[in-house]
N, C-alpha and C. Protein backbone atom coordinates (compact mmCIF):
# COMPACT_ATOMS: atom_id res chain seq x y z
N UNK A 1 120.01 99.75 96.01
CA UNK A 1 118.91 100.49 95.66
C UNK A 1 117.81 99.19 96.21
N UNK A 2 116.74 100.06 97.22
CA UNK A 2 115.56 99.30 97.57
C UNK A 2 114.52 99.57 96.36
N UNK A 3 113.92 98.22 96.01
CA UNK A 3 112.85 98.09 95.38
C UNK A 3 111.50 98.62 95.53
N UNK A 4 111.10 99.43 94.48
CA UNK A 4 109.74 99.72 94.49
C UNK A 4 108.70 98.99 94.56
N UNK A 5 107.42 99.70 94.68
CA UNK A 5 106.37 98.52 94.47
C UNK A 5 105.98 98.09 93.25
N UNK A 6 106.22 99.27 92.08
CA UNK A 6 106.20 98.67 90.66
C UNK A 6 107.19 97.44 90.12
N UNK A 7 108.63 97.76 91.29
CA UNK A 7 109.65 96.44 90.89
C UNK A 7 108.71 95.32 91.23
N UNK A 8 108.13 95.63 92.42
CA UNK A 8 107.68 93.87 92.77
C UNK A 8 106.68 93.69 92.14
N UNK A 9 105.62 94.45 91.43
CA UNK A 9 104.42 93.88 90.58
C UNK A 9 105.48 93.57 89.72
N UNK A 10 106.10 94.24 88.94
CA UNK A 10 106.90 93.66 87.52
C UNK A 10 107.29 92.34 88.04
N UNK A 11 107.79 91.66 89.04
CA UNK A 11 108.59 90.60 89.12
C UNK A 11 107.22 89.55 89.58
N UNK A 12 106.39 89.79 90.04
CA UNK A 12 105.30 89.22 90.67
C UNK A 12 104.54 89.03 89.10
N UNK A 13 104.53 89.80 87.96
CA UNK A 13 104.19 89.00 86.77
C UNK A 13 104.90 88.33 86.49
N UNK A 14 106.11 88.69 86.08
CA UNK A 14 107.24 87.89 85.62
C UNK A 14 106.90 86.43 86.06
N UNK A 15 106.76 86.11 87.76
CA UNK A 15 106.39 84.81 87.94
C UNK A 15 105.29 84.36 87.41
N UNK A 16 104.34 85.07 87.34
CA UNK A 16 103.26 84.22 86.81
C UNK A 16 103.23 83.93 85.70
N UNK A 17 104.07 84.60 84.82
CA UNK A 17 104.23 84.17 83.12
C UNK A 17 104.93 82.87 83.34
N UNK A 18 106.02 82.61 84.24
CA UNK A 18 106.65 81.27 84.41
C UNK A 18 105.90 80.29 84.67
N UNK A 19 104.40 80.45 85.39
CA UNK A 19 103.52 79.43 85.84
C UNK A 19 102.64 79.66 84.79
N UNK A 20 103.05 80.26 83.72
CA UNK A 20 101.76 80.03 82.62
C UNK A 20 100.87 80.55 82.64
N UNK A 21 100.66 81.76 83.23
CA UNK A 21 99.41 82.56 82.96
C UNK A 21 99.58 84.02 82.66
N UNK A 22 98.73 84.22 81.71
CA UNK A 22 98.58 85.16 80.67
C UNK A 22 98.54 86.77 81.19
N UNK A 23 99.54 87.48 81.37
CA UNK A 23 99.69 88.46 82.13
C UNK A 23 99.54 89.98 81.38
N UNK A 24 99.35 89.59 79.90
CA UNK A 24 99.18 91.18 79.19
C UNK A 24 98.26 91.81 79.78
N UNK A 25 97.22 91.45 80.45
CA UNK A 25 96.38 92.75 81.09
C UNK A 25 96.35 93.38 82.23
N UNK A 26 97.61 92.87 82.81
CA UNK A 26 97.64 93.22 84.70
C UNK A 26 98.17 94.76 84.37
N UNK A 27 98.54 95.36 83.28
CA UNK A 27 99.13 96.33 83.60
C UNK A 27 98.52 97.40 82.21
N UNK A 28 97.46 96.91 81.61
CA UNK A 28 96.89 97.61 80.41
C UNK A 28 96.02 98.53 81.00
N UNK A 29 96.31 99.55 80.11
CA UNK A 29 95.62 100.99 80.17
C UNK A 29 96.14 101.73 81.35
N UNK A 30 95.49 102.67 81.89
CA UNK A 30 95.56 103.73 82.94
C UNK A 30 95.06 102.73 84.21
N UNK A 31 96.20 102.32 84.97
CA UNK A 31 95.78 101.74 86.21
C UNK A 31 96.41 102.39 87.56
N UNK A 32 95.27 102.14 88.46
CA UNK A 32 96.18 102.61 89.68
C UNK A 32 96.24 101.32 90.67
N UNK A 33 97.29 101.37 91.66
CA UNK A 33 97.35 100.16 92.53
C UNK A 33 96.10 99.37 93.10
N UNK A 34 95.03 99.74 93.25
CA UNK A 34 94.00 99.10 93.73
C UNK A 34 93.39 98.59 92.57
N UNK A 35 93.29 98.97 91.32
CA UNK A 35 92.81 98.02 90.17
C UNK A 35 94.03 97.05 89.86
N UNK A 36 95.17 97.26 90.07
CA UNK A 36 96.26 96.25 89.76
C UNK A 36 96.00 95.25 90.56
N UNK A 37 95.96 95.56 91.79
CA UNK A 37 95.56 94.46 92.74
C UNK A 37 94.90 93.54 92.64
N UNK A 38 93.60 94.14 92.35
CA UNK A 38 92.30 93.31 91.88
C UNK A 38 92.87 92.32 90.68
N UNK A 39 93.33 93.01 89.48
CA UNK A 39 93.77 92.33 88.13
C UNK A 39 94.73 91.17 88.92
N UNK A 40 95.65 91.38 89.83
CA UNK A 40 96.54 90.31 90.01
C UNK A 40 95.93 89.43 91.11
N UNK A 41 95.11 89.49 91.80
CA UNK A 41 94.24 88.47 92.32
C UNK A 41 93.60 87.91 91.68
N UNK A 42 93.11 88.21 90.67
CA UNK A 42 92.17 87.35 89.89
C UNK A 42 92.97 86.37 89.04
N UNK A 43 94.19 86.98 88.58
CA UNK A 43 95.32 86.06 87.64
C UNK A 43 95.65 84.65 88.55
N UNK A 44 96.14 85.21 90.09
CA UNK A 44 96.42 84.01 91.06
C UNK A 44 95.59 83.23 91.58
N UNK A 45 93.98 83.37 91.81
CA UNK A 45 93.32 82.63 92.06
C UNK A 45 92.55 82.12 91.28
N UNK A 46 92.91 82.53 89.55
CA UNK A 46 92.23 82.17 88.43
C UNK A 46 93.01 80.65 88.04
N UNK A 47 94.32 80.73 88.27
CA UNK A 47 95.36 79.67 88.05
C UNK A 47 95.40 78.69 89.15
N UNK A 48 94.79 79.10 90.40
CA UNK A 48 94.90 78.37 91.72
C UNK A 48 96.16 78.18 92.05
N UNK A 49 97.05 79.33 92.14
CA UNK A 49 98.39 79.28 92.58
C UNK A 49 98.54 80.16 94.07
N UNK A 50 97.69 80.29 94.68
CA UNK A 50 97.86 80.65 96.13
C UNK A 50 98.52 79.94 97.04
N UNK A 51 98.61 78.77 96.71
CA UNK A 51 99.83 77.93 97.38
C UNK A 51 100.99 77.38 97.34
N UNK A 52 101.44 78.01 95.86
CA UNK A 52 102.45 77.57 95.15
C UNK A 52 103.74 78.53 95.64
N UNK A 53 104.62 77.94 95.90
CA UNK A 53 105.80 78.57 96.47
C UNK A 53 106.56 79.24 95.27
N UNK A 54 106.63 80.88 95.13
CA UNK A 54 107.40 81.95 94.04
C UNK A 54 108.76 82.27 94.58
N UNK A 55 108.93 81.78 95.47
CA UNK A 55 110.32 82.47 95.69
C UNK A 55 110.52 82.19 97.21
N UNK A 56 111.70 83.25 97.39
CA UNK A 56 112.30 83.29 98.80
C UNK A 56 112.16 84.75 99.30
N UNK A 57 111.81 85.06 100.54
CA UNK A 57 111.96 86.64 101.04
C UNK A 57 113.10 86.21 101.88
N UNK A 58 113.89 87.26 101.66
CA UNK A 58 115.29 87.62 102.21
C UNK A 58 115.18 88.39 103.50
N UNK A 59 115.65 87.79 104.69
CA UNK A 59 115.29 88.32 105.92
C UNK A 59 116.55 89.00 106.47
N UNK A 60 116.81 90.16 106.91
CA UNK A 60 118.18 90.51 107.16
C UNK A 60 118.95 89.78 108.44
N UNK A 61 117.89 89.45 109.44
CA UNK A 61 118.84 88.73 110.32
C UNK A 61 118.51 87.43 111.00
N UNK A 62 117.53 87.19 109.86
CA UNK A 62 117.08 85.59 110.12
C UNK A 62 116.75 84.57 108.78
N UNK A 63 118.10 85.17 108.06
CA UNK A 63 118.09 84.03 106.87
C UNK A 63 116.94 84.59 106.30
N UNK A 64 116.38 83.47 105.27
CA UNK A 64 114.96 83.54 104.53
C UNK A 64 114.50 82.47 104.77
N UNK A 65 113.39 82.62 104.05
CA UNK A 65 111.97 81.62 104.14
C UNK A 65 111.38 81.84 102.75
N UNK A 66 110.86 80.32 102.63
CA UNK A 66 110.05 80.48 101.21
C UNK A 66 108.80 81.39 101.10
N UNK A 67 108.34 81.55 100.18
CA UNK A 67 106.73 82.68 99.91
C UNK A 67 105.89 82.30 98.78
N UNK A 68 105.00 81.84 99.25
CA UNK A 68 103.94 81.51 98.30
C UNK A 68 103.23 82.62 97.26
N UNK A 69 102.56 82.56 96.52
CA UNK A 69 101.91 83.58 95.77
C UNK A 69 100.93 84.34 97.02
N UNK A 70 100.09 83.74 98.06
CA UNK A 70 99.81 84.44 98.90
C UNK A 70 100.15 85.61 99.80
N UNK A 71 101.49 84.79 100.24
CA UNK A 71 102.62 85.46 100.75
C UNK A 71 102.96 86.76 100.43
N UNK A 72 103.42 86.66 99.15
CA UNK A 72 104.01 87.55 98.42
C UNK A 72 102.77 88.70 97.49
N UNK A 73 101.62 87.97 97.70
CA UNK A 73 100.55 89.19 97.48
C UNK A 73 100.52 90.29 98.30
N UNK A 74 100.04 89.51 99.56
CA UNK A 74 100.02 90.22 100.85
C UNK A 74 101.03 91.54 101.23
N UNK A 75 102.29 90.91 100.72
CA UNK A 75 103.35 91.61 101.20
C UNK A 75 103.87 92.98 100.04
N UNK A 76 103.04 92.22 98.99
CA UNK A 76 103.51 93.67 97.85
C UNK A 76 102.12 94.46 98.09
N UNK A 77 101.10 93.85 98.22
CA UNK A 77 99.66 95.26 98.04
C UNK A 77 99.12 95.48 99.45
N UNK A 78 99.88 94.80 100.40
CA UNK A 78 99.52 95.18 101.83
C UNK A 78 98.00 94.88 102.25
N UNK A 79 97.24 93.85 101.37
CA UNK A 79 96.13 93.54 101.67
C UNK A 79 96.26 91.93 101.48
N UNK A 80 95.16 91.08 102.18
CA UNK A 80 95.20 89.68 101.83
C UNK A 80 94.64 89.16 100.63
N UNK A 81 95.25 88.10 100.17
CA UNK A 81 94.85 87.90 98.56
C UNK A 81 93.55 87.08 98.60
N UNK A 82 93.15 86.78 99.66
CA UNK A 82 91.84 86.28 99.59
C UNK A 82 90.76 87.14 100.39
N UNK A 83 89.66 86.90 100.43
CA UNK A 83 88.53 87.93 100.99
C UNK A 83 88.32 87.44 102.60
N UNK A 84 88.79 86.59 103.18
CA UNK A 84 88.56 85.92 104.67
C UNK A 84 89.06 87.02 105.53
N UNK A 85 89.57 87.96 105.28
CA UNK A 85 89.79 89.07 106.08
C UNK A 85 91.10 89.42 106.76
N UNK A 86 92.00 88.05 106.52
CA UNK A 86 93.05 87.53 107.27
C UNK A 86 94.17 87.69 106.28
N UNK A 87 95.53 88.46 106.56
CA UNK A 87 96.61 88.00 105.52
C UNK A 87 96.96 86.56 105.80
N UNK A 88 97.86 86.53 104.75
CA UNK A 88 98.61 84.88 104.79
C UNK A 88 99.36 84.91 106.00
N UNK A 89 98.79 83.50 106.33
CA UNK A 89 99.57 83.26 107.56
C UNK A 89 101.12 82.80 107.35
N UNK A 90 102.12 83.04 108.31
CA UNK A 90 103.59 82.82 107.94
C UNK A 90 103.71 81.56 108.77
N UNK A 91 104.56 80.81 108.40
CA UNK A 91 105.03 79.56 109.19
C UNK A 91 106.65 79.97 109.86
């Protein structure tokens, strides 16, 4: 079964909790995807976690590669974590 966007957001929130971030406000109240992206962005940047490795992205024919919070945020929300106008670069 393919993971949904909310599944990815929940997983990201769990990883943030594992790194000591208070995530109670991420899903508080009635939110839309744009508002949740802003909350996740603030949580990641506020805790200075953008370059921290959060996990591995499994690739069907290339094995897998490590993924930072910045990369994962860009993949989950389809927008860059920072306001530089560029998505997180892949190495």
